[in-house]
Amino acid sequence: MALISSLLKVATFPVSLPLDGLLWVAERIKDQAEAEYYDEGAVRGRLLELELQLDLDEITEEEYEAAEDQLLDLLNEIRERRAEEQGL
């Protein structure tokens, strides 16, 4: 049985190796995207930028409140995710 398994691996090697490489790259891209999306510092920075836009009258109070709500929801999601990862 081990011989058949080994032969199967060798026979599918030309297909499985590039596929494994592609899956590895996709996993790294996903990890990087999640790291950027769940970066608390970046979200805090966007909140500060949003406040500055409001102060400079670049956005309305309604636009500010809508965007602020989204960013605060994301901030809560980040904190909940971190707590889950830490087992809290």
PDB file of N, CA and C in Angstrom:
ATOM      1  N   MET A   1       0.819  -1.183   0.000  1.00  0.00           N
ATOM      2  CA  MET A   1       0.000   0.000   0.000  1.00  0.00           C
ATOM      3  C   MET A   1       0.870   1.257   0.000  1.00  0.00           C
ATOM      4  N   ALA A   2       1.954   1.256   0.743  1.00  0.00           N
ATOM      5  CA  ALA A   2       2.856   2.405   0.786  1.00  0.00           C
ATOM      6  C   ALA A   2       3.474   2.638  -0.587  1.00  0.00           C
ATOM      7  N   LEU A   3       3.736   1.566  -1.315  1.00  0.00           N
ATOM      8  CA  LEU A   3       4.313   1.684  -2.649  1.00  0.00           C
ATOM      9  C   LEU A   3       3.328   2.376  -3.596  1.00  0.00           C
ATOM     10  N   ILE A   4       2.072   2.010  -3.510  1.00  0.00           N
ATOM     11  CA  ILE A   4       1.056   2.624  -4.369  1.00  0.00           C
ATOM     12  C   ILE A   4       0.913   4.111  -4.033  1.00  0.00           C
ATOM     13  N   SER A   5       0.933   4.421  -2.767  1.00  0.00           N
ATOM     14  CA  SER A   5       0.837   5.810  -2.332  1.00  0.00           C
ATOM     15  C   SER A   5       2.029   6.618  -2.848  1.00  0.00           C
ATOM     16  N   SER A   6       3.207   6.051  -2.760  1.00  0.00           N
ATOM     17  CA  SER A   6       4.407   6.732  -3.241  1.00  0.00           C
ATOM     18  C   SER A   6       4.364   6.928  -4.744  1.00  0.00           C
ATOM     19  N   LEU A   7       3.923   5.901  -5.470  1.00  0.00           N
ATOM     20  CA  LEU A   7       3.825   6.014  -6.924  1.00  0.00           C
ATOM     21  C   LEU A   7       2.798   7.069  -7.327  1.00  0.00           C
ATOM     22  N   LEU A   8       1.725   7.141  -6.584  1.00  0.00           N
ATOM     23  CA  LEU A   8       0.704   8.135  -6.867  1.00  0.00           C
ATOM     24  C   LEU A   8       1.245   9.545  -6.649  1.00  0.00           C
ATOM     25  N   LYS A   9       2.020   9.729  -5.601  1.00  0.00           N
ATOM     26  CA  LYS A   9       2.625  11.034  -5.342  1.00  0.00           C
ATOM     27  C   LYS A   9       3.580  11.420  -6.462  1.00  0.00           C
ATOM     28  N   VAL A  10       4.377  10.477  -6.921  1.00  0.00           N
ATOM     29  CA  VAL A  10       5.328  10.747  -7.997  1.00  0.00           C
ATOM     30  C   VAL A  10       4.585  11.060  -9.293  1.00  0.00           C
ATOM     31  N   ALA A  11       3.521  10.322  -9.562  1.00  0.00           N
ATOM     32  CA  ALA A  11       2.772  10.522 -10.801  1.00  0.00           C
ATOM     33  C   ALA A  11       2.060  11.873 -10.825  1.00  0.00           C
ATOM     34  N   THR A  12       1.636  12.360  -9.677  1.00  0.00           N
ATOM     35  CA  THR A  12       0.909  13.636  -9.632  1.00  0.00           C
ATOM     36  C   THR A  12       1.815  14.820  -9.297  1.00  0.00           C
ATOM     37  N   PHE A  13       3.094  14.560  -9.125  1.00  0.00           N
ATOM     38  CA  PHE A  13       4.038  15.601  -8.749  1.00  0.00           C
ATOM     39  C   PHE A  13       4.020  16.806  -9.682  1.00  0.00           C
ATOM     40  N   PRO A  14       4.015  16.624 -11.001  1.00  0.00           N
ATOM     41  CA  PRO A  14       4.012  17.807 -11.886  1.00  0.00           C
ATOM     42  C   PRO A  14       2.793  18.713 -11.686  1.00  0.00           C
ATOM     43  N   VAL A  15       1.704  18.171 -11.212  1.00  0.00           N
ATOM     44  CA  VAL A  15       0.503  18.969 -10.984  1.00  0.00           C
ATOM     45  C   VAL A  15       0.431  19.448  -9.536  1.00  0.00           C
ATOM     46  N   SER A  16       0.757  18.574  -8.604  1.00  0.00           N
ATOM     47  CA  SER A  16       0.586  18.903  -7.195  1.00  0.00           C
ATOM     48  C   SER A  16       1.584  19.945  -6.695  1.00  0.00           C
ATOM     49  N   LEU A  17       2.787  19.952  -7.189  1.00  0.00           N
ATOM     50  CA  LEU A  17       3.788  20.909  -6.709  1.00  0.00           C
ATOM     51  C   LEU A  17       3.383  22.355  -7.043  1.00  0.00           C
ATOM     52  N   PRO A  18       3.049  22.663  -8.306  1.00  0.00           N
ATOM     53  CA  PRO A  18       2.608  24.040  -8.574  1.00  0.00           C
ATOM     54  C   PRO A  18       1.329  24.401  -7.807  1.00  0.00           C
ATOM     55  N   LEU A  19       0.435  23.453  -7.651  1.00  0.00           N
ATOM     56  CA  LEU A  19      -0.792  23.710  -6.910  1.00  0.00           C
ATOM     57  C   LEU A  19      -0.490  23.990  -5.447  1.00  0.00           C
ATOM     58  N   ASP A  20       0.403  23.226  -4.859  1.00  0.00           N
ATOM     59  CA  ASP A  20       0.808  23.469  -3.470  1.00  0.00           C
ATOM     60  C   ASP A  20       1.448  24.850  -3.322  1.00  0.00           C
ATOM     61  N   GLY A  21       2.256  25.234  -4.301  1.00  0.00           N
ATOM     62  CA  GLY A  21       2.883  26.554  -4.277  1.00  0.00           C
ATOM     63  C   GLY A  21       1.855  27.657  -4.381  1.00  0.00           C
ATOM     64  N   LEU A  22       0.888  27.480  -5.241  1.00  0.00           N
ATOM     65  CA  LEU A  22      -0.181  28.467  -5.403  1.00  0.00           C
ATOM     66  C   LEU A  22      -1.000  28.589  -4.119  1.00  0.00           C
ATOM     67  N   LEU A  23      -1.297  27.481  -3.483  1.00  0.00           N
ATOM     68  CA  LEU A  23      -2.040  27.505  -2.222  1.00  0.00           C
ATOM     69  C   LEU A  23      -1.237  28.201  -1.129  1.00  0.00           C
ATOM     70  N   TRP A  24       0.069  27.985  -1.119  1.00  0.00           N
ATOM     71  CA  TRP A  24       0.927  28.631  -0.126  1.00  0.00           C
ATOM     72  C   TRP A  24       0.908  30.146  -0.326  1.00  0.00           C
ATOM     73  N   VAL A  25       1.035  30.598  -1.579  1.00  0.00           N
ATOM     74  CA  VAL A  25       1.013  32.035  -1.876  1.00  0.00           C
ATOM     75  C   VAL A  25      -0.337  32.626  -1.490  1.00  0.00           C
ATOM     76  N   ALA A  26      -1.419  31.944  -1.812  1.00  0.00           N
ATOM     77  CA  ALA A  26      -2.752  32.434  -1.471  1.00  0.00           C
ATOM     78  C   ALA A  26      -2.907  32.567   0.046  1.00  0.00           C
ATOM     79  N   GLU A  27      -2.372  31.635   0.789  1.00  0.00           N
ATOM     80  CA  GLU A  27      -2.447  31.692   2.256  1.00  0.00           C
ATOM     81  C   GLU A  27      -1.663  32.891   2.789  1.00  0.00           C
ATOM     82  N   ARG A  28      -0.476  33.164   2.212  1.00  0.00           N
ATOM     83  CA  ARG A  28       0.316  34.321   2.644  1.00  0.00           C
ATOM     84  C   ARG A  28      -0.420  35.620   2.334  1.00  0.00           C
ATOM     85  N   ILE A  29      -1.066  35.700   1.171  1.00  0.00           N
ATOM     86  CA  ILE A  29      -1.823  36.906   0.809  1.00  0.00           C
ATOM     87  C   ILE A  29      -2.977  37.102   1.778  1.00  0.00           C
ATOM     88  N   LYS A  30      -3.677  36.025   2.106  1.00  0.00           N
ATOM     89  CA  LYS A  30      -4.788  36.104   3.054  1.00  0.00           C
ATOM     90  C   LYS A  30      -4.301  36.579   4.419  1.00  0.00           C
ATOM     91  N   ASP A  31      -3.179  36.027   4.873  1.00  0.00           N
ATOM     92  CA  ASP A  31      -2.625  36.419   6.171  1.00  0.00           C
ATOM     93  C   ASP A  31      -2.271  37.906   6.196  1.00  0.00           C
ATOM     94  N   GLN A  32      -1.653  38.393   5.115  1.00  0.00           N
ATOM     95  CA  GLN A  32      -1.269  39.804   5.049  1.00  0.00           C
ATOM     96  C   GLN A  32      -2.499  40.705   5.007  1.00  0.00           C
ATOM     97  N   ALA A  33      -3.499  40.320   4.236  1.00  0.00           N
ATOM     98  CA  ALA A  33      -4.726  41.116   4.145  1.00  0.00           C
ATOM     99  C   ALA A  33      -5.423  41.185   5.501  1.00  0.00           C
ATOM    100  N   GLU A  34      -5.471  40.064   6.212  1.00  0.00           N
ATOM    101  CA  GLU A  34      -6.084  40.065   7.546  1.00  0.00           C
ATOM    102  C   GLU A  34      -5.287  40.922   8.514  1.00  0.00           C
ATOM    103  N   ALA A  35      -3.964  40.857   8.428  1.00  0.00           N
ATOM    104  CA  ALA A  35      -3.132  41.665   9.321  1.00  0.00           C
ATOM    105  C   ALA A  35      -3.381  43.153   9.095  1.00  0.00           C
ATOM    106  N   GLU A  36      -3.532  43.555   7.840  1.00  0.00           N
ATOM    107  CA  GLU A  36      -3.792  44.961   7.552  1.00  0.00           C
ATOM    108  C   GLU A  36      -5.208  45.353   7.956  1.00  0.00           C
ATOM    109  N   TYR A  37      -6.172  44.491   7.693  1.00  0.00           N
ATOM    110  CA  TYR A  37      -7.568  44.797   8.014  1.00  0.00           C
ATOM    111  C   TYR A  37      -7.772  44.899   9.520  1.00  0.00           C
ATOM    112  N   TYR A  38      -7.117  44.023  10.271  1.00  0.00           N
ATOM    113  CA  TYR A  38      -7.291  43.974  11.720  1.00  0.00           C
ATOM    114  C   TYR A  38      -6.212  44.747  12.474  1.00  0.00           C
ATOM    115  N   ASP A  39      -5.619  45.751  11.848  1.00  0.00           N
ATOM    116  CA  ASP A  39      -4.592  46.574  12.484  1.00  0.00           C
ATOM    117  C   ASP A  39      -5.278  47.704  13.256  1.00  0.00           C
ATOM    118  N   GLU A  40      -5.276  47.590  14.572  1.00  0.00           N
ATOM    119  CA  GLU A  40      -5.954  48.578  15.416  1.00  0.00           C
ATOM    120  C   GLU A  40      -5.377  49.976  15.220  1.00  0.00           C
ATOM    121  N   GLY A  41      -4.080  50.074  15.055  1.00  0.00           N
ATOM    122  CA  GLY A  41      -3.446  51.374  14.847  1.00  0.00           C
ATOM    123  C   GLY A  41      -3.927  52.057  13.574  1.00  0.00           C
ATOM    124  N   ALA A  42      -4.104  51.272  12.517  1.00  0.00           N
ATOM    125  CA  ALA A  42      -4.591  51.840  11.253  1.00  0.00           C
ATOM    126  C   ALA A  42      -6.025  52.345  11.401  1.00  0.00           C
ATOM    127  N   VAL A  43      -6.842  51.607  12.134  1.00  0.00           N
ATOM    128  CA  VAL A  43      -8.226  52.025  12.341  1.00  0.00           C
ATOM    129  C   VAL A  43      -8.266  53.306  13.164  1.00  0.00           C
ATOM    130  N   ARG A  44      -7.436  53.385  14.179  1.00  0.00           N
ATOM    131  CA  ARG A  44      -7.367  54.606  14.987  1.00  0.00           C
ATOM    132  C   ARG A  44      -6.915  55.796  14.121  1.00  0.00           C
ATOM    133  N   GLY A  45      -5.969  55.539  13.232  1.00  0.00           N
ATOM    134  CA  GLY A  45      -5.509  56.585  12.324  1.00  0.00           C
ATOM    135  C   GLY A  45      -6.619  57.058  11.397  1.00  0.00           C
ATOM    136  N   ARG A  46      -7.426  56.133  10.913  1.00  0.00           N
ATOM    137  CA  ARG A  46      -8.541  56.505  10.048  1.00  0.00           C
ATOM    138  C   ARG A  46      -9.584  57.316  10.826  1.00  0.00           C
ATOM    139  N   LEU A  47      -9.766  56.988  12.108  1.00  0.00           N
ATOM    140  CA  LEU A  47     -10.673  57.785  12.941  1.00  0.00           C
ATOM    141  C   LEU A  47     -10.164  59.217  13.091  1.00  0.00           C
ATOM    142  N   LEU A  48      -8.860  59.368  13.289  1.00  0.00           N
ATOM    143  CA  LEU A  48      -8.281  60.718  13.399  1.00  0.00           C
ATOM    144  C   LEU A  48      -8.410  61.487  12.091  1.00  0.00           C
ATOM    145  N   GLU A  49      -8.163  60.810  10.972  1.00  0.00           N
ATOM    146  CA  GLU A  49      -8.313  61.458   9.668  1.00  0.00           C
ATOM    147  C   GLU A  49      -9.759  61.894   9.447  1.00  0.00           C
ATOM    148  N   LEU A  50     -10.673  61.056   9.861  1.00  0.00           N
ATOM    149  CA  LEU A  50     -12.086  61.360   9.715  1.00  0.00           C
ATOM    150  C   LEU A  50     -12.455  62.608  10.520  1.00  0.00           C
ATOM    151  N   GLU A  51     -11.945  62.681  11.747  1.00  0.00           N
ATOM    152  CA  GLU A  51     -12.214  63.847  12.588  1.00  0.00           C
ATOM    153  C   GLU A  51     -11.625  65.112  11.967  1.00  0.00           C
ATOM    154  N   LEU A  52     -10.451  64.990  11.401  1.00  0.00           N
ATOM    155  CA  LEU A  52      -9.828  66.134  10.738  1.00  0.00           C
ATOM    156  C   LEU A  52     -10.666  66.585   9.542  1.00  0.00           C
ATOM    157  N   GLN A  53     -11.175  65.629   8.766  1.00  0.00           N
ATOM    158  CA  GLN A  53     -12.031  65.985   7.632  1.00  0.00           C
ATOM    159  C   GLN A  53     -13.276  66.740   8.096  1.00  0.00           C
ATOM    160  N   LEU A  54     -13.830  66.313   9.209  1.00  0.00           N
ATOM    161  CA  LEU A  54     -14.998  67.004   9.757  1.00  0.00           C
ATOM    162  C   LEU A  54     -14.625  68.419  10.193  1.00  0.00           C
ATOM    163  N   ASP A  55     -13.497  68.551  10.890  1.00  0.00           N
ATOM    164  CA  ASP A  55     -13.049  69.863  11.357  1.00  0.00           C
ATOM    165  C   ASP A  55     -12.781  70.818  10.197  1.00  0.00           C
ATOM    166  N   LEU A  56     -12.332  70.274   9.072  1.00  0.00           N
ATOM    167  CA  LEU A  56     -12.032  71.105   7.898  1.00  0.00           C
ATOM    168  C   LEU A  56     -13.243  71.276   6.984  1.00  0.00           C
ATOM    169  N   ASP A  57     -14.387  70.801   7.442  1.00  0.00           N
ATOM    170  CA  ASP A  57     -15.642  70.878   6.675  1.00  0.00           C
ATOM    171  C   ASP A  57     -15.552  70.168   5.324  1.00  0.00           C
ATOM    172  N   GLU A  58     -14.750  69.106   5.274  1.00  0.00           N
ATOM    173  CA  GLU A  58     -14.659  68.315   4.048  1.00  0.00           C
ATOM    174  C   GLU A  58     -15.775  67.278   3.981  1.00  0.00           C
ATOM    175  N   ILE A  59     -16.346  66.951   5.139  1.00  0.00           N
ATOM    176  CA  ILE A  59     -17.476  66.021   5.202  1.00  0.00           C
ATOM    177  C   ILE A  59     -18.525  66.599   6.140  1.00  0.00           C
ATOM    178  N   THR A  60     -19.740  66.114   5.989  1.00  0.00           N
ATOM    179  CA  THR A  60     -20.831  66.581   6.853  1.00  0.00           C
ATOM    180  C   THR A  60     -20.833  65.781   8.152  1.00  0.00           C
ATOM    181  N   GLU A  61     -21.601  66.279   9.100  1.00  0.00           N
ATOM    182  CA  GLU A  61     -21.748  65.586  10.385  1.00  0.00           C
ATOM    183  C   GLU A  61     -22.335  64.187  10.176  1.00  0.00           C
ATOM    184  N   GLU A  62     -23.289  64.067   9.256  1.00  0.00           N
ATOM    185  CA  GLU A  62     -23.919  62.768   8.985  1.00  0.00           C
ATOM    186  C   GLU A  62     -22.912  61.784   8.386  1.00  0.00           C
ATOM    187  N   GLU A  63     -22.097  62.271   7.448  1.00  0.00           N
ATOM    188  CA  GLU A  63     -21.064  61.409   6.847  1.00  0.00           C
ATOM    189  C   GLU A  63     -20.063  60.967   7.907  1.00  0.00           C
ATOM    190  N   TYR A  64     -19.708  61.921   8.777  1.00  0.00           N
ATOM    191  CA  TYR A  64     -18.767  61.616   9.855  1.00  0.00           C
ATOM    192  C   TYR A  64     -19.324  60.527  10.762  1.00  0.00           C
ATOM    193  N   GLU A  65     -20.570  60.688  11.189  1.00  0.00           N
ATOM    194  CA  GLU A  65     -21.171  59.723  12.110  1.00  0.00           C
ATOM    195  C   GLU A  65     -21.293  58.340  11.488  1.00  0.00           C
ATOM    196  N   ALA A  66     -21.654  58.276  10.214  1.00  0.00           N
ATOM    197  CA  ALA A  66     -21.785  56.983   9.537  1.00  0.00           C
ATOM    198  C   ALA A  66     -20.424  56.289   9.440  1.00  0.00           C
ATOM    199  N   ALA A  67     -19.408  57.042   9.022  1.00  0.00           N
ATOM    200  CA  ALA A  67     -18.074  56.459   8.896  1.00  0.00           C
ATOM    201  C   ALA A  67     -17.497  56.103  10.263  1.00  0.00           C
ATOM    202  N   GLU A  68     -17.748  56.946  11.245  1.00  0.00           N
ATOM    203  CA  GLU A  68     -17.254  56.683  12.599  1.00  0.00           C
ATOM    204  C   GLU A  68     -17.875  55.395  13.153  1.00  0.00           C
ATOM    205  N   ASP A  69     -19.178  55.222  12.932  1.00  0.00           N
ATOM    206  CA  ASP A  69     -19.841  53.996  13.397  1.00  0.00           C
ATOM    207  C   ASP A  69     -19.202  52.757  12.782  1.00  0.00           C
ATOM    208  N   GLN A  70     -18.903  52.817  11.489  1.00  0.00           N
ATOM    209  CA  GLN A  70     -18.271  51.677  10.824  1.00  0.00           C
ATOM    210  C   GLN A  70     -16.901  51.384  11.414  1.00  0.00           C
ATOM    211  N   LEU A  71     -16.120  52.435  11.625  1.00  0.00           N
ATOM    212  CA  LEU A  71     -14.774  52.245  12.161  1.00  0.00           C
ATOM    213  C   LEU A  71     -14.808  51.765  13.608  1.00  0.00           C
ATOM    214  N   LEU A  72     -15.746  52.261  14.402  1.00  0.00           N
ATOM    215  CA  LEU A  72     -15.856  51.794  15.784  1.00  0.00           C
ATOM    216  C   LEU A  72     -16.316  50.340  15.841  1.00  0.00           C
ATOM    217  N   ASP A  73     -17.201  49.953  14.913  1.00  0.00           N
ATOM    218  CA  ASP A  73     -17.606  48.544  14.829  1.00  0.00           C
ATOM    219  C   ASP A  73     -16.402  47.668  14.487  1.00  0.00           C
ATOM    220  N   LEU A  74     -15.589  48.136  13.547  1.00  0.00           N
ATOM    221  CA  LEU A  74     -14.382  47.387  13.176  1.00  0.00           C
ATOM    222  C   LEU A  74     -13.421  47.304  14.353  1.00  0.00           C
ATOM    223  N   LEU A  75     -13.272  48.378  15.094  1.00  0.00           N
ATOM    224  CA  LEU A  75     -12.400  48.388  16.262  1.00  0.00           C
ATOM    225  C   LEU A  75     -12.880  47.372  17.303  1.00  0.00           C
ATOM    226  N   ASN A  76     -14.188  47.310  17.520  1.00  0.00           N
ATOM    227  CA  ASN A  76     -14.740  46.305  18.436  1.00  0.00           C
ATOM    228  C   ASN A  76     -14.494  44.893  17.924  1.00  0.00           C
ATOM    229  N   GLU A  77     -14.649  44.706  16.622  1.00  0.00           N
ATOM    230  CA  GLU A  77     -14.398  43.389  16.020  1.00  0.00           C
ATOM    231  C   GLU A  77     -12.942  42.977  16.208  1.00  0.00           C
ATOM    232  N   ILE A  78     -12.039  43.923  16.038  1.00  0.00           N
ATOM    233  CA  ILE A  78     -10.605  43.647  16.222  1.00  0.00           C
ATOM    234  C   ILE A  78     -10.336  43.223  17.662  1.00  0.00           C
ATOM    235  N   ARG A  79     -10.905  43.934  18.605  1.00  0.00           N
ATOM    236  CA  ARG A  79     -10.678  43.617  20.024  1.00  0.00           C
ATOM    237  C   ARG A  79     -11.291  42.275  20.399  1.00  0.00           C
ATOM    238  N   GLU A  80     -12.469  41.975  19.868  1.00  0.00           N
ATOM    239  CA  GLU A  80     -13.089  40.673  20.131  1.00  0.00           C
ATOM    240  C   GLU A  80     -12.251  39.548  19.544  1.00  0.00           C
ATOM    241  N   ARG A  81     -11.754  39.765  18.352  1.00  0.00           N
ATOM    242  CA  ARG A  81     -10.927  38.738  17.688  1.00  0.00           C
ATOM    243  C   ARG A  81      -9.641  38.502  18.489  1.00  0.00           C
ATOM    244  N   ARG A  82      -9.032  39.593  18.947  1.00  0.00           N
ATOM    245  CA  ARG A  82      -7.804  39.460  19.730  1.00  0.00           C
ATOM    246  C   ARG A  82      -8.082  38.690  21.032  1.00  0.00           C
ATOM    247  N   ALA A  83      -9.213  39.000  21.679  1.00  0.00           N
ATOM    248  CA  ALA A  83      -9.576  38.308  22.915  1.00  0.00           C
ATOM    249  C   ALA A  83      -9.799  36.815  22.660  1.00  0.00           C
ATOM    250  N   GLU A  84     -10.442  36.486  21.541  1.00  0.00           N
ATOM    251  CA  GLU A  84     -10.667  35.072  21.191  1.00  0.00           C
ATOM    252  C   GLU A  84      -9.344  34.355  20.945  1.00  0.00           C
ATOM    253  N   GLU A  85      -8.422  35.043  20.243  1.00  0.00           N
ATOM    254  CA  GLU A  85      -7.130  34.440  19.961  1.00  0.00           C
ATOM    255  C   GLU A  85      -6.320  34.212  21.230  1.00  0.00           C
ATOM    256  N   GLN A  86      -6.513  35.084  22.212  1.00  0.00           N
ATOM    257  CA  GLN A  86      -5.783  34.964  23.478  1.00  0.00           C
ATOM    258  C   GLN A  86      -6.511  34.061  24.458  1.00  0.00           C
ATOM    259  N   GLY A  87      -7.686  33.590  24.055  1.00  0.00           N
ATOM    260  CA  GLY A  87      -8.447  32.676  24.903  1.00  0.00           C
ATOM    261  C   GLY A  87      -9.150  33.352  26.062  1.00  0.00           C
ATOM    262  N   LEU A  88      -9.477  34.610  25.891  1.00  0.00           N
ATOM    263  CA  LEU A  88     -10.137  35.353  26.966  1.00  0.00           C
ATOM    264  C   LEU A  88     -11.639  35.299  26.809  1.00  0.00           C
TER     265      LEU A  88
END
